[in-house]
Amino acid sequence: MSAAPSITSTVTEVCEDGSLTLTATPAGGTWSASSGSIANPSSTTTTSTAAFTSSSGGTTSTVTYTAGGVAATVSVTVLAPPTISPSTATEVCIGSDVTLVGSGTASTSTPWSSDDVSIATVSNGVVTGVATGVATITYTNNKGCEVTKDVTVNGLPNVSAGADQTICDGSSATLTSSTMSSYNWSTGATTSSITVSPTQTTTYTLTGVDANGCENQDDVTVTVEDLPSVSVASGSSVLCEGETVTLSSTVTGGTWSSDNNSVATVSTTGIVTAKSVTTQSTAVITFTSTSNCTGSITVTVNPALAISGTLTATVGGTEPI
C-alpha cells in the first residue's frame, strides 16, 4: 500500500500576478486548482512539483494533488497588491521632494526603489527630483508584493533677473526679468520689472515660479558709484584772459570737458585756461568718470581791462606839449 499524498510546501501565499511553486509526495501525481485566481500549471502529470500563476488579489483557491486515487489539498491565498498614496499623478521639481506612502507593512530589506536614480531617487518613500523625466518608483511590502508608481520630474524655470548694472549715486536702475508665471523680488515686488534706487551697492534676488509650480532664483547686483566732487586744487575759479586754474576730482580715471570752449578750455589733467571775452562769461567744467558719473564746477572769465583817454606830457614847464 503506497503512502497517502501530502503537499509539503510551507508557503501558500502568492502576490497578485505572481507565481507559486508547490511540492508534494509521492511523485507521479497530478495537480489541479479550483477555478478562480490560481491557474493550472501547463503540466500536471508525473511530477511532484507544480508552478501556479495568480491573479485577482484578495481571493483564495484550493489546489489539489492526487496520487494513487487519493487527494491532498491546500488553500492558496492570492494577496492583494499594496497601494501607494497619493493615488493621483505625482510630479516633483528638480531638487525638491515629494513623499509617497505605501500601505501595510513595508519590506525590511528594500521597501522603496527607483528604476532610474539619474531622474529621481527615493528613500523611505521620499522621492527627490534629480533630472527632467519620468522615474518608476516601486514599493514592496513585507509579503514581497509590489506596486509601482510613475513620478514625473519637472525642470526648473529659466529665471533671469537681468545683467548686473552700475549707477551713479542718486540715480535709479530698472531690473527686468524673463517671462514666468509669477515673480517675487527680494524687495517684495511681484511684477516682472522693478525700479530701484539703492544708496549703496546692493544685490537683488528674483524668485520665479513656472506653470508646474517649480521655483528657481537669480541674483542681480546694482553697483552704486560715488559722484565726483570737483574743486580748485591751485588758483582761483575767477580768471582773466590767459590765466589758468588747476582742478581736481575725488574720482580718478575719467575725462574733463568744458561746456563753452570759447570761454575756457580744460586739459586732460584738469588745467583750465581762460580765453578772450568781451564781457564777463562763465563756463561749466565737468569731470565724467568711467561709470558716466559727473561732477562740475563753474569758472568765471573776466574781460581784459581797457585804458581810455588822451596821453599828455609836459617838458620843462607847465604847459603840455
C-alpha atoms as a PDB file:
ATOM      1  CA  MET A   1       0.000   0.000   0.000  1.00  0.00           C
ATOM      2  CA  SER A   2       1.503   3.402  -1.078  1.00  0.00           C
ATOM      3  CA  ALA A   3       1.715   6.385   1.225  1.00  0.00           C
ATOM      4  CA  ALA A   4      -1.039   8.975   1.098  1.00  0.00           C
ATOM      5  CA  PRO A   5      -0.116  12.083  -0.857  1.00  0.00           C
ATOM      6  CA  SER A   6       0.969  15.144   1.019  1.00  0.00           C
ATOM      7  CA  ILE A   7       1.633  18.709  -0.133  1.00  0.00           C
ATOM      8  CA  THR A   8       4.844  19.598   1.601  1.00  0.00           C
ATOM      9  CA  SER A   9       5.194  23.296   0.661  1.00  0.00           C
ATOM     10  CA  THR A  10       5.017  25.656   3.605  1.00  0.00           C
ATOM     11  CA  VAL A  11       4.467  28.846   1.558  1.00  0.00           C
ATOM     12  CA  THR A  12       0.836  29.068   0.496  1.00  0.00           C
ATOM     13  CA  GLU A  13       0.583  32.792  -0.216  1.00  0.00           C
ATOM     14  CA  VAL A  14       1.298  34.409  -3.537  1.00  0.00           C
ATOM     15  CA  CYS A  15       1.165  38.018  -4.687  1.00  0.00           C
ATOM     16  CA  GLU A  16      -1.278  39.026  -7.367  1.00  0.00           C
ATOM     17  CA  ASP A  17       0.247  38.425 -10.818  1.00  0.00           C
ATOM     18  CA  GLY A  18       2.968  36.362  -9.156  1.00  0.00           C
ATOM     19  CA  SER A  19       3.793  32.679  -9.243  1.00  0.00           C
ATOM     20  CA  LEU A  20       3.918  29.951  -6.588  1.00  0.00           C
ATOM     21  CA  THR A  21       5.688  26.605  -6.726  1.00  0.00           C
ATOM     22  CA  LEU A  22       4.184  23.728  -4.690  1.00  0.00           C
ATOM     23  CA  THR A  23       5.813  20.395  -3.896  1.00  0.00           C
ATOM     24  CA  ALA A  24       4.157  17.122  -2.899  1.00  0.00           C
ATOM     25  CA  THR A  25       4.914  13.465  -2.197  1.00  0.00           C
ATOM     26  CA  PRO A  26       4.924  10.814  -3.523  1.00  0.00           C
ATOM     27  CA  ALA A  27       5.992  11.657  -7.067  1.00  0.00           C
ATOM     28  CA  GLY A  28       3.847  10.805 -10.052  1.00  0.00           C
ATOM     29  CA  GLY A  29       0.629  12.523  -9.023  1.00  0.00           C
ATOM     30  CA  THR A  30      -1.380  15.189 -10.783  1.00  0.00           C
ATOM     31  CA  TRP A  31      -2.153  18.781  -9.838  1.00  0.00           C
ATOM     32  CA  SER A  32      -5.312  20.802 -10.234  1.00  0.00           C
ATOM     33  CA  ALA A  33      -6.712  24.061  -8.936  1.00  0.00           C
ATOM     34  CA  SER A  34     -10.189  25.342  -8.331  1.00  0.00           C
ATOM     35  CA  SER A  35     -11.338  27.930 -10.821  1.00  0.00           C
ATOM     36  CA  GLY A  36     -10.581  31.492  -9.884  1.00  0.00           C
ATOM     37  CA  SER A  37      -7.385  33.285  -9.147  1.00  0.00           C
ATOM     38  CA  ILE A  38      -4.974  30.333  -9.459  1.00  0.00           C
ATOM     39  CA  ALA A  39      -4.258  28.974 -12.930  1.00  0.00           C
ATOM     40  CA  ASN A  40      -3.482  25.296 -13.509  1.00  0.00           C
ATOM     41  CA  PRO A  41       0.117  24.535 -14.420  1.00  0.00           C
ATOM     42  CA  SER A  42       0.886  23.565 -18.004  1.00  0.00           C
ATOM     43  CA  SER A  43       1.937  20.040 -16.951  1.00  0.00           C
ATOM     44  CA  THR A  44       0.019  18.174 -14.253  1.00  0.00           C
ATOM     45  CA  THR A  45       1.350  14.593 -14.517  1.00  0.00           C
ATOM     46  CA  THR A  46       4.382  12.607 -13.403  1.00  0.00           C
ATOM     47  CA  THR A  47       5.766  15.337 -11.264  1.00  0.00           C
ATOM     48  CA  SER A  48       5.682  16.220  -7.609  1.00  0.00           C
ATOM     49  CA  THR A  49       6.259  19.946  -8.263  1.00  0.00           C
ATOM     50  CA  ALA A  50       3.965  22.445  -9.991  1.00  0.00           C
ATOM     51  CA  ALA A  51       4.140  26.226 -10.563  1.00  0.00           C
ATOM     52  CA  PHE A  52       0.910  28.192 -10.425  1.00  0.00           C
ATOM     53  CA  THR A  53       0.318  31.738 -11.608  1.00  0.00           C
ATOM     54  CA  SER A  54      -2.019  34.071  -9.758  1.00  0.00           C
ATOM     55  CA  SER A  55      -4.434  36.898 -10.385  1.00  0.00           C
ATOM     56  CA  SER A  56      -7.277  38.641  -8.563  1.00  0.00           C
ATOM     57  CA  GLY A  57      -5.646  39.508  -5.260  1.00  0.00           C
ATOM     58  CA  GLY A  58      -7.635  39.091  -2.102  1.00  0.00           C
ATOM     59  CA  THR A  59      -9.018  35.675  -3.067  1.00  0.00           C
ATOM     60  CA  THR A  60      -8.361  32.059  -2.042  1.00  0.00           C
ATOM     61  CA  SER A  61      -8.144  28.995  -4.284  1.00  0.00           C
ATOM     62  CA  THR A  62      -7.891  25.295  -3.484  1.00  0.00           C
ATOM     63  CA  VAL A  63      -5.007  23.382  -5.045  1.00  0.00           C
ATOM     64  CA  THR A  64      -5.284  19.566  -5.198  1.00  0.00           C
ATOM     65  CA  TYR A  65      -2.578  16.953  -5.620  1.00  0.00           C
ATOM     66  CA  THR A  66      -3.841  13.441  -6.462  1.00  0.00           C
ATOM     67  CA  ALA A  67      -1.726  10.297  -6.268  1.00  0.00           C
ATOM     68  CA  GLY A  68      -2.933   6.659  -6.205  1.00  0.00           C
ATOM     69  CA  GLY A  69      -6.518   7.842  -6.230  1.00  0.00           C
ATOM     70  CA  VAL A  70      -6.031   9.797  -3.034  1.00  0.00           C
ATOM     71  CA  ALA A  71      -6.082  13.624  -2.976  1.00  0.00           C
ATOM     72  CA  ALA A  72      -4.333  16.155  -0.789  1.00  0.00           C
ATOM     73  CA  THR A  73      -5.438  19.785  -0.809  1.00  0.00           C
ATOM     74  CA  VAL A  74      -4.116  23.144   0.299  1.00  0.00           C
ATOM     75  CA  SER A  75      -5.658  26.599   0.307  1.00  0.00           C
ATOM     76  CA  VAL A  76      -3.620  29.217  -1.570  1.00  0.00           C
ATOM     77  CA  THR A  77      -4.236  32.863  -0.821  1.00  0.00           C
ATOM     78  CA  VAL A  78      -3.654  35.425  -3.527  1.00  0.00           C
ATOM     79  CA  LEU A  79      -2.541  38.593  -1.808  1.00  0.00           C
ATOM     80  CA  ALA A  80      -3.846  41.916  -2.994  1.00  0.00           C
ATOM     81  CA  PRO A  81      -1.055  44.270  -4.037  1.00  0.00           C
ATOM     82  CA  PRO A  82      -0.140  47.134  -1.741  1.00  0.00           C
ATOM     83  CA  THR A  83      -1.068  50.660  -2.676  1.00  0.00           C
ATOM     84  CA  ILE A  84       0.832  53.935  -2.903  1.00  0.00           C
ATOM     85  CA  SER A  85      -0.704  57.206  -1.938  1.00  0.00           C
ATOM     86  CA  PRO A  86      -1.371  59.694  -3.255  1.00  0.00           C
ATOM     87  CA  SER A  87      -3.112  57.757  -5.974  1.00  0.00           C
ATOM     88  CA  THR A  88      -3.219  60.738  -8.317  1.00  0.00           C
ATOM     89  CA  ALA A  89      -0.492  61.659 -10.789  1.00  0.00           C
ATOM     90  CA  THR A  90       2.635  62.685  -8.925  1.00  0.00           C
ATOM     91  CA  GLU A  91       5.075  65.359 -10.009  1.00  0.00           C
ATOM     92  CA  VAL A  92       8.131  66.866  -8.371  1.00  0.00           C
ATOM     93  CA  CYS A  93      10.572  69.596  -9.321  1.00  0.00           C
ATOM     94  CA  ILE A  94      14.305  69.097  -9.686  1.00  0.00           C
ATOM     95  CA  GLY A  95      15.859  69.459  -6.247  1.00  0.00           C
ATOM     96  CA  SER A  96      12.521  69.151  -4.451  1.00  0.00           C
ATOM     97  CA  ASP A  97      10.875  66.252  -2.602  1.00  0.00           C
ATOM     98  CA  VAL A  98       7.519  64.524  -2.658  1.00  0.00           C
ATOM     99  CA  THR A  99       6.521  61.909  -0.087  1.00  0.00           C
ATOM    100  CA  LEU A 100       4.820  58.638  -1.071  1.00  0.00           C
ATOM    101  CA  VAL A 101       3.166  56.355   1.479  1.00  0.00           C
ATOM    102  CA  GLY A 102       2.937  52.611   0.974  1.00  0.00           C
ATOM    103  CA  SER A 103       0.115  50.590   2.524  1.00  0.00           C
ATOM    104  CA  GLY A 104       0.560  47.819   5.062  1.00  0.00           C
ATOM    105  CA  THR A 105       3.908  46.793   6.465  1.00  0.00           C
ATOM    106  CA  ALA A 106       6.952  47.612   4.366  1.00  0.00           C
ATOM    107  CA  SER A 107       9.658  45.154   3.469  1.00  0.00           C
ATOM    108  CA  THR A 108      12.547  45.194   5.910  1.00  0.00           C
ATOM    109  CA  SER A 109      15.150  44.906   3.143  1.00  0.00           C
ATOM    110  CA  THR A 110      14.438  47.293   0.254  1.00  0.00           C
ATOM    111  CA  PRO A 111      10.928  48.688   0.559  1.00  0.00           C
ATOM    112  CA  TRP A 112      11.444  51.509  -1.965  1.00  0.00           C
ATOM    113  CA  SER A 113      13.397  51.676  -5.201  1.00  0.00           C
ATOM    114  CA  SER A 114      13.663  53.814  -8.331  1.00  0.00           C
ATOM    115  CA  ASP A 115      14.183  52.405 -11.790  1.00  0.00           C
ATOM    116  CA  ASP A 116      16.309  55.434 -12.752  1.00  0.00           C
ATOM    117  CA  VAL A 117      18.191  57.223  -9.986  1.00  0.00           C
ATOM    118  CA  SER A 118      19.537  59.716 -12.527  1.00  0.00           C
ATOM    119  CA  ILE A 119      15.982  61.083 -12.744  1.00  0.00           C
ATOM    120  CA  ALA A 120      14.678  60.531  -9.206  1.00  0.00           C
ATOM    121  CA  THR A 121      15.903  58.881  -6.017  1.00  0.00           C
ATOM    122  CA  VAL A 122      13.747  57.514  -3.222  1.00  0.00           C
ATOM    123  CA  SER A 123      14.407  56.851   0.463  1.00  0.00           C
ATOM    124  CA  ASN A 124      11.704  55.784   2.916  1.00  0.00           C
ATOM    125  CA  GLY A 125       9.114  56.974   0.432  1.00  0.00           C
ATOM    126  CA  VAL A 126      10.634  60.425  -0.047  1.00  0.00           C
ATOM    127  CA  VAL A 127      11.217  60.970  -3.762  1.00  0.00           C
ATOM    128  CA  THR A 128      13.777  63.616  -4.788  1.00  0.00           C
ATOM    129  CA  GLY A 129      13.842  65.016  -8.306  1.00  0.00           C
ATOM    130  CA  VAL A 130      17.261  64.863  -9.955  1.00  0.00           C
ATOM    131  CA  ALA A 131      16.696  65.496 -13.669  1.00  0.00           C
ATOM    132  CA  THR A 132      13.798  66.037 -16.041  1.00  0.00           C
ATOM    133  CA  GLY A 133      11.978  62.821 -16.950  1.00  0.00           C
ATOM    134  CA  VAL A 134       9.835  60.028 -15.537  1.00  0.00           C
ATOM    135  CA  ALA A 135      11.023  57.526 -12.936  1.00  0.00           C
ATOM    136  CA  THR A 136       9.114  54.432 -11.845  1.00  0.00           C
ATOM    137  CA  ILE A 137       9.044  54.075  -8.058  1.00  0.00           C
ATOM    138  CA  THR A 138       8.447  50.588  -6.618  1.00  0.00           C
ATOM    139  CA  TYR A 139       7.113  49.846  -3.144  1.00  0.00           C
ATOM    140  CA  THR A 140       7.469  46.330  -1.691  1.00  0.00           C
ATOM    141  CA  ASN A 141       5.616  45.146   1.386  1.00  0.00           C
ATOM    142  CA  ASN A 142       6.663  42.506   3.917  1.00  0.00           C
ATOM    143  CA  LYS A 143       5.000  39.763   1.822  1.00  0.00           C
ATOM    144  CA  GLY A 144       7.139  40.638  -1.176  1.00  0.00           C
ATOM    145  CA  CYS A 145       4.209  42.091  -3.106  1.00  0.00           C
ATOM    146  CA  GLU A 146       4.981  45.151  -5.199  1.00  0.00           C
ATOM    147  CA  VAL A 147       3.243  48.169  -6.604  1.00  0.00           C
ATOM    148  CA  THR A 148       4.712  50.821  -8.882  1.00  0.00           C
ATOM    149  CA  LYS A 149       4.055  54.482  -9.470  1.00  0.00           C
ATOM    150  CA  ASP A 150       5.425  56.831 -12.101  1.00  0.00           C
ATOM    151  CA  VAL A 151       6.780  60.127 -10.826  1.00  0.00           C
ATOM    152  CA  THR A 152       7.333  62.957 -13.292  1.00  0.00           C
ATOM    153  CA  VAL A 153      10.280  65.241 -12.573  1.00  0.00           C
ATOM    154  CA  ASN A 154       9.832  68.742 -13.957  1.00  0.00           C
ATOM    155  CA  GLY A 155      12.733  71.022 -14.767  1.00  0.00           C
ATOM    156  CA  LEU A 156      13.289  74.368 -13.086  1.00  0.00           C
ATOM    157  CA  PRO A 157      12.217  77.578 -14.799  1.00  0.00           C
ATOM    158  CA  ASN A 158      14.827  79.707 -16.515  1.00  0.00           C
ATOM    159  CA  VAL A 159      14.895  82.678 -14.158  1.00  0.00           C
ATOM    160  CA  SER A 160      16.881  85.739 -15.202  1.00  0.00           C
ATOM    161  CA  ALA A 161      16.925  88.955 -13.218  1.00  0.00           C
ATOM    162  CA  GLY A 162      18.929  90.668 -15.958  1.00  0.00           C
ATOM    163  CA  ALA A 163      22.529  91.775 -16.214  1.00  0.00           C
ATOM    164  CA  ASP A 164      24.365  93.476 -13.367  1.00  0.00           C
ATOM    165  CA  GLN A 165      24.229  97.280 -13.556  1.00  0.00           C
ATOM    166  CA  THR A 166      26.274 100.240 -12.376  1.00  0.00           C
ATOM    167  CA  ILE A 167      24.575 103.532 -11.486  1.00  0.00           C
ATOM    168  CA  CYS A 168      25.642 106.852 -10.049  1.00  0.00           C
ATOM    169  CA  ASP A 169      24.717 107.801  -6.517  1.00  0.00           C
ATOM    170  CA  GLY A 170      21.258 109.328  -6.561  1.00  0.00           C
ATOM    171  CA  SER A 171      20.219 107.541  -9.767  1.00  0.00           C
ATOM    172  CA  SER A 172      17.918 104.553 -10.303  1.00  0.00           C
ATOM    173  CA  ALA A 173      18.077 101.261 -12.199  1.00  0.00           C
ATOM    174  CA  THR A 174      15.335  99.244 -13.879  1.00  0.00           C
ATOM    175  CA  LEU A 175      15.546  95.477 -13.376  1.00  0.00           C
ATOM    176  CA  THR A 176      13.631  93.329 -15.872  1.00  0.00           C
ATOM    177  CA  SER A 177      13.166  89.557 -15.590  1.00  0.00           C
ATOM    178  CA  SER A 178      12.426  86.765 -18.017  1.00  0.00           C
ATOM    179  CA  THR A 179       8.792  85.709 -18.516  1.00  0.00           C
ATOM    180  CA  MET A 180       7.379  83.392 -15.825  1.00  0.00           C
ATOM    181  CA  SER A 181       4.069  82.574 -14.152  1.00  0.00           C
ATOM    182  CA  SER A 182       4.877  84.598 -11.037  1.00  0.00           C
ATOM    183  CA  TYR A 183       7.593  86.875  -9.737  1.00  0.00           C
ATOM    184  CA  ASN A 184       8.874  87.619  -6.254  1.00  0.00           C
ATOM    185  CA  TRP A 185      11.689  90.106  -5.825  1.00  0.00           C
ATOM    186  CA  SER A 186      13.623  90.434  -2.592  1.00  0.00           C
ATOM    187  CA  THR A 187      12.183  93.958  -2.385  1.00  0.00           C
ATOM    188  CA  GLY A 188       8.691  92.440  -2.053  1.00  0.00           C
ATOM    189  CA  ALA A 189       7.657  93.471  -5.572  1.00  0.00           C
ATOM    190  CA  THR A 190       5.736  90.908  -7.640  1.00  0.00           C
ATOM    191  CA  THR A 191       5.998  92.432 -11.113  1.00  0.00           C
ATOM    192  CA  SER A 192       8.304  91.386 -13.941  1.00  0.00           C
ATOM    193  CA  SER A 193      10.107  94.737 -13.921  1.00  0.00           C
ATOM    194  CA  ILE A 194      11.065  96.943 -10.966  1.00  0.00           C
ATOM    195  CA  THR A 195      12.886 100.243 -10.493  1.00  0.00           C
ATOM    196  CA  VAL A 196      15.346 100.509  -7.600  1.00  0.00           C
ATOM    197  CA  SER A 197      17.350 103.430  -6.186  1.00  0.00           C
ATOM    198  CA  PRO A 198      19.939 101.959  -3.828  1.00  0.00           C
ATOM    199  CA  THR A 199      22.280 104.251  -1.908  1.00  0.00           C
ATOM    200  CA  GLN A 200      24.960 101.573  -1.788  1.00  0.00           C
ATOM    201  CA  THR A 201      25.861  98.518  -3.848  1.00  0.00           C
ATOM    202  CA  THR A 202      23.001  96.045  -3.439  1.00  0.00           C
ATOM    203  CA  THR A 203      22.208  92.532  -4.691  1.00  0.00           C
ATOM    204  CA  TYR A 204      18.576  91.773  -5.520  1.00  0.00           C
ATOM    205  CA  THR A 205      17.158  88.238  -5.697  1.00  0.00           C
ATOM    206  CA  LEU A 206      14.334  87.241  -8.026  1.00  0.00           C
ATOM    207  CA  THR A 207      12.355  84.076  -7.301  1.00  0.00           C
ATOM    208  CA  GLY A 208      10.328  82.792 -10.232  1.00  0.00           C
ATOM    209  CA  VAL A 209       7.666  80.087 -10.376  1.00  0.00           C
ATOM    210  CA  ASP A 210       6.537  78.364 -13.579  1.00  0.00           C
ATOM    211  CA  ALA A 211       3.239  76.702 -14.510  1.00  0.00           C
ATOM    212  CA  ASN A 212       4.372  73.436 -12.853  1.00  0.00           C
ATOM    213  CA  GLY A 213       4.956  75.187  -9.558  1.00  0.00           C
ATOM    214  CA  CYS A 214       8.717  74.769  -9.877  1.00  0.00           C
ATOM    215  CA  GLU A 215      10.818  77.543  -8.378  1.00  0.00           C
ATOM    216  CA  ASN A 216      14.203  78.975  -9.258  1.00  0.00           C
ATOM    217  CA  GLN A 217      16.219  82.070  -8.344  1.00  0.00           C
ATOM    218  CA  ASP A 218      18.619  84.528  -9.908  1.00  0.00           C
ATOM    219  CA  ASP A 219      20.584  87.436  -8.456  1.00  0.00           C
ATOM    220  CA  VAL A 220      21.398  90.828  -9.977  1.00  0.00           C
ATOM    221  CA  THR A 221      23.796  93.327  -8.446  1.00  0.00           C
ATOM    222  CA  VAL A 222      23.420  97.088  -8.774  1.00  0.00           C
ATOM    223  CA  THR A 223      26.729  98.822  -8.061  1.00  0.00           C
ATOM    224  CA  VAL A 224      26.477 102.401  -6.805  1.00  0.00           C
ATOM    225  CA  GLU A 225      29.359 104.699  -7.838  1.00  0.00           C
ATOM    226  CA  ASP A 226      30.133 107.894  -5.938  1.00  0.00           C
ATOM    227  CA  LEU A 227      29.567 111.178  -7.769  1.00  0.00           C
ATOM    228  CA  PRO A 228      32.839 113.027  -8.494  1.00  0.00           C
ATOM    229  CA  SER A 229      33.384 116.152  -6.410  1.00  0.00           C
ATOM    230  CA  VAL A 230      35.262 118.815  -8.388  1.00  0.00           C
ATOM    231  CA  SER A 231      37.214 121.555  -6.612  1.00  0.00           C
ATOM    232  CA  VAL A 232      40.009 124.058  -7.197  1.00  0.00           C
ATOM    233  CA  ALA A 233      43.365 122.484  -6.446  1.00  0.00           C
ATOM    234  CA  SER A 234      45.508 125.511  -7.347  1.00  0.00           C
ATOM    235  CA  GLY A 235      44.473 129.008  -8.358  1.00  0.00           C
ATOM    236  CA  SER A 236      41.075 130.658  -8.481  1.00  0.00           C
ATOM    237  CA  SER A 237      37.853 129.895 -10.273  1.00  0.00           C
ATOM    238  CA  VAL A 238      37.677 133.582 -11.331  1.00  0.00           C
ATOM    239  CA  LEU A 239      40.107 134.211 -14.193  1.00  0.00           C
ATOM    240  CA  CYS A 240      41.286 136.770 -16.656  1.00  0.00           C
ATOM    241  CA  GLU A 241      42.309 136.014 -20.235  1.00  0.00           C
ATOM    242  CA  GLY A 242      45.246 133.628 -20.386  1.00  0.00           C
ATOM    243  CA  GLU A 243      45.157 132.730 -16.705  1.00  0.00           C
ATOM    244  CA  THR A 244      44.865 129.112 -15.574  1.00  0.00           C
ATOM    245  CA  VAL A 245      43.415 127.218 -12.669  1.00  0.00           C
ATOM    246  CA  THR A 246      44.030 123.579 -11.755  1.00  0.00           C
ATOM    247  CA  LEU A 247      41.002 121.475 -10.813  1.00  0.00           C
ATOM    248  CA  SER A 248      40.846 118.123  -9.031  1.00  0.00           C
ATOM    249  CA  SER A 249      38.254 115.370  -8.704  1.00  0.00           C
ATOM    250  CA  THR A 250      37.594 112.925  -5.883  1.00  0.00           C
ATOM    251  CA  VAL A 251      37.241 110.216  -8.538  1.00  0.00           C
ATOM    252  CA  THR A 252      40.102 109.233 -10.826  1.00  0.00           C
ATOM    253  CA  GLY A 253      40.221 107.767 -14.277  1.00  0.00           C
ATOM    254  CA  GLY A 254      37.680 109.981 -16.003  1.00  0.00           C
ATOM    255  CA  THR A 255      37.682 112.799 -18.560  1.00  0.00           C
ATOM    256  CA  TRP A 256      37.402 116.604 -18.370  1.00  0.00           C
ATOM    257  CA  SER A 257      35.228 118.783 -20.613  1.00  0.00           C
ATOM    258  CA  SER A 258      34.062 122.378 -20.923  1.00  0.00           C
ATOM    259  CA  ASP A 259      30.578 123.370 -21.994  1.00  0.00           C
ATOM    260  CA  ASN A 260      31.973 126.528 -23.678  1.00  0.00           C
ATOM    261  CA  ASN A 261      35.470 126.325 -25.125  1.00  0.00           C
ATOM    262  CA  SER A 262      35.234 129.938 -26.318  1.00  0.00           C
ATOM    263  CA  VAL A 263      35.233 130.987 -22.662  1.00  0.00           C
ATOM    264  CA  ALA A 264      37.548 128.386 -21.098  1.00  0.00           C
ATOM    265  CA  THR A 265      39.207 125.181 -22.165  1.00  0.00           C
ATOM    266  CA  VAL A 266      40.315 122.308 -19.951  1.00  0.00           C
ATOM    267  CA  SER A 267      43.162 119.847 -20.430  1.00  0.00           C
ATOM    268  CA  THR A 268      43.092 116.108 -19.808  1.00  0.00           C
ATOM    269  CA  THR A 269      44.716 116.765 -16.428  1.00  0.00           C
ATOM    270  CA  GLY A 270      42.149 119.353 -15.279  1.00  0.00           C
ATOM    271  CA  ILE A 271      44.026 122.598 -16.069  1.00  0.00           C
ATOM    272  CA  VAL A 272      41.577 125.295 -17.150  1.00  0.00           C
ATOM    273  CA  THR A 273      42.736 128.149 -19.417  1.00  0.00           C
ATOM    274  CA  ALA A 274      40.700 131.343 -19.733  1.00  0.00           C
ATOM    275  CA  LYS A 275      40.019 132.623 -23.255  1.00  0.00           C
ATOM    276  CA  SER A 276      39.469 136.165 -24.509  1.00  0.00           C
ATOM    277  CA  VAL A 277      35.994 137.525 -23.776  1.00  0.00           C
ATOM    278  CA  THR A 278      34.405 140.916 -24.214  1.00  0.00           C
ATOM    279  CA  THR A 279      32.074 140.577 -21.274  1.00  0.00           C
ATOM    280  CA  GLN A 280      32.211 138.611 -18.071  1.00  0.00           C
ATOM    281  CA  SER A 281      31.385 134.995 -19.021  1.00  0.00           C
ATOM    282  CA  THR A 282      31.182 131.581 -17.387  1.00  0.00           C
ATOM    283  CA  ALA A 283      31.978 128.019 -18.416  1.00  0.00           C
ATOM    284  CA  VAL A 284      30.944 124.818 -16.682  1.00  0.00           C
ATOM    285  CA  ILE A 285      33.862 122.413 -16.348  1.00  0.00           C
ATOM    286  CA  THR A 286      32.713 118.792 -15.933  1.00  0.00           C
ATOM    287  CA  PHE A 287      34.550 115.665 -14.859  1.00  0.00           C
ATOM    288  CA  THR A 288      32.978 112.398 -16.139  1.00  0.00           C
ATOM    289  CA  SER A 289      34.020 109.123 -14.502  1.00  0.00           C
ATOM    290  CA  THR A 290      34.365 105.828 -16.324  1.00  0.00           C
ATOM    291  CA  SER A 291      30.894 104.960 -14.945  1.00  0.00           C
ATOM    292  CA  ASN A 292      29.483 108.143 -16.525  1.00  0.00           C
ATOM    293  CA  CYS A 293      29.022 109.802 -13.151  1.00  0.00           C
ATOM    294  CA  THR A 294      29.650 113.537 -13.307  1.00  0.00           C
ATOM    295  CA  GLY A 295      30.732 116.409 -11.122  1.00  0.00           C
ATOM    296  CA  SER A 296      31.222 120.021 -12.213  1.00  0.00           C
ATOM    297  CA  ILE A 297      32.379 123.479 -11.237  1.00  0.00           C
ATOM    298  CA  THR A 298      31.751 126.886 -12.820  1.00  0.00           C
ATOM    299  CA  VAL A 299      34.654 129.178 -13.712  1.00  0.00           C
ATOM    300  CA  THR A 300      34.235 132.884 -14.398  1.00  0.00           C
ATOM    301  CA  VAL A 301      36.315 134.688 -17.016  1.00  0.00           C
ATOM    302  CA  ASN A 302      36.554 138.485 -16.922  1.00  0.00           C
ATOM    303  CA  PRO A 303      37.446 140.612 -19.977  1.00  0.00           C
ATOM    304  CA  ALA A 304      40.838 142.318 -20.107  1.00  0.00           C
ATOM    305  CA  LEU A 305      40.971 145.863 -18.635  1.00  0.00           C
ATOM    306  CA  ALA A 306      40.866 148.639 -21.250  1.00  0.00           C
ATOM    307  CA  ILE A 307      42.545 152.145 -20.744  1.00  0.00           C
ATOM    308  CA  SER A 308      40.814 155.070 -22.485  1.00  0.00           C
ATOM    309  CA  GLY A 309      41.551 158.904 -22.771  1.00  0.00           C
ATOM    310  CA  THR A 310      44.419 161.166 -24.084  1.00  0.00           C
ATOM    311  CA  LEU A 311      48.016 160.690 -23.060  1.00  0.00           C
ATOM    312  CA  THR A 312      49.823 164.083 -22.388  1.00  0.00           C
ATOM    313  CA  ALA A 313      53.205 165.150 -21.018  1.00  0.00           C
ATOM    314  CA  THR A 314      54.998 168.477 -20.015  1.00  0.00           C
ATOM    315  CA  VAL A 315      58.667 169.158 -20.519  1.00  0.00           C
ATOM    316  CA  GLY A 316      60.422 171.883 -18.503  1.00  0.00           C
ATOM    317  CA  GLY A 317      57.289 173.828 -17.880  1.00  0.00           C
ATOM    318  CA  THR A 318      53.675 173.720 -17.023  1.00  0.00           C
ATOM    319  CA  GLU A 319      52.159 173.625 -20.415  1.00  0.00           C
ATOM    320  CA  PRO A 320      51.508 170.343 -22.167  1.00  0.00           C
ATOM    321  CA  ILE A 321      53.339 169.699 -25.327  1.00  0.00           C
END
